[in-house]
Amino acid sequence: MLVKLSDPALVDDLVDFLSRSGCIAQAQDETTVLVSIPRSLREDAAQLELDLYLRVWEATHPEARASRLAS
């Protein structure tokens, strides 16, 4: 799954947050992060879980937006 960030300066922070949450996250470019959730067996469950992680991350970074790109 791909995530687009509004602030390139926060890509590493998001990658670290997702990694600590058990995701596999890797910066793809200055505003895009590739994320997988290995423990989720279903794609819809993984998408929901990622959306929840992104909302938590945004709550601690109110100046930024992180959006999962459509599959």
Protein backbone atom coordinates (compact mmCIF):
# COMPACT_ATOMS: atom_id res chain seq x y z
CA MET A 1 0.00 0.00 0.00
CA LEU A 2 1.20 3.49 -0.76
CA VAL A 3 0.86 6.48 1.55
CA LYS A 4 1.24 10.07 0.36
CA LEU A 5 2.41 12.72 2.82
CA SER A 6 1.82 16.44 2.66
CA ASP A 7 5.21 17.28 4.22
CA PRO A 8 8.38 15.67 2.85
CA ALA A 9 10.25 16.54 6.05
CA LEU A 10 8.11 14.00 7.95
CA VAL A 11 8.62 10.92 5.74
CA ASP A 12 11.28 9.42 8.01
CA ASP A 13 9.13 10.08 11.06
CA LEU A 14 6.19 8.24 9.51
CA VAL A 15 8.41 5.32 8.44
CA ASP A 16 9.73 5.05 12.01
CA PHE A 17 6.23 5.22 13.51
CA LEU A 18 4.85 2.54 11.19
CA SER A 19 7.88 0.30 11.76
CA ARG A 20 7.45 0.55 15.54
CA SER A 21 3.80 -0.40 15.01
CA GLY A 22 4.79 -3.69 13.33
CA CYS A 23 4.48 -2.56 9.72
CA ILE A 24 7.11 -2.82 7.03
CA ALA A 25 7.56 0.72 5.76
CA GLN A 26 10.00 2.19 3.25
CA ALA A 27 10.25 5.64 1.71
CA GLN A 28 9.67 5.48 -2.05
CA ASP A 29 10.35 9.13 -2.81
CA GLU A 30 10.19 12.46 -1.00
CA THR A 31 6.46 12.22 -0.19
CA THR A 32 5.49 8.56 -0.67
CA VAL A 33 5.89 5.58 1.67
CA LEU A 34 5.36 1.92 0.74
CA VAL A 35 3.73 0.01 3.61
CA SER A 36 2.82 -3.61 4.22
CA ILE A 37 1.26 -5.17 7.30
CA PRO A 38 2.53 -8.75 7.39
CA ARG A 39 0.19 -10.00 10.13
CA SER A 40 -2.98 -9.02 8.20
CA LEU A 41 -4.31 -11.88 6.12
CA ARG A 42 -6.94 -9.87 4.25
CA GLU A 43 -6.29 -6.77 2.19
CA ASP A 44 -9.34 -4.92 3.51
CA ALA A 45 -8.21 -5.54 7.10
CA ALA A 46 -4.70 -4.30 6.28
CA GLN A 47 -6.13 -1.15 4.70
CA LEU A 48 -8.28 -0.45 7.75
CA GLU A 49 -5.35 -1.04 10.10
CA LEU A 50 -3.12 1.28 8.09
CA ASP A 51 -5.83 3.97 8.03
CA LEU A 52 -6.01 3.77 11.83
CA TYR A 53 -2.23 4.08 12.18
CA LEU A 54 -2.26 7.10 9.88
CA ARG A 55 -4.98 8.83 11.95
CA VAL A 56 -2.96 8.24 15.13
CA TRP A 57 0.17 9.58 13.46
CA GLU A 58 -1.73 12.65 12.20
CA ALA A 59 -3.02 13.30 15.72
CA THR A 60 0.58 13.75 16.84
CA HIS A 61 1.44 15.77 13.72
CA PRO A 62 -1.58 18.08 13.24
CA GLU A 63 0.27 20.11 10.62
CA ALA A 64 0.62 17.10 8.30
CA ARG A 65 -1.68 14.88 6.26
CA ALA A 66 -1.05 11.25 5.34
CA SER A 67 -3.37 9.54 2.88
CA ARG A 68 -3.45 5.95 1.69
CA LEU A 69 -3.52 5.93 -2.09
CA ALA A 70 -6.21 3.82 -3.74
CA SER A 71 -5.06 0.33 -4.69
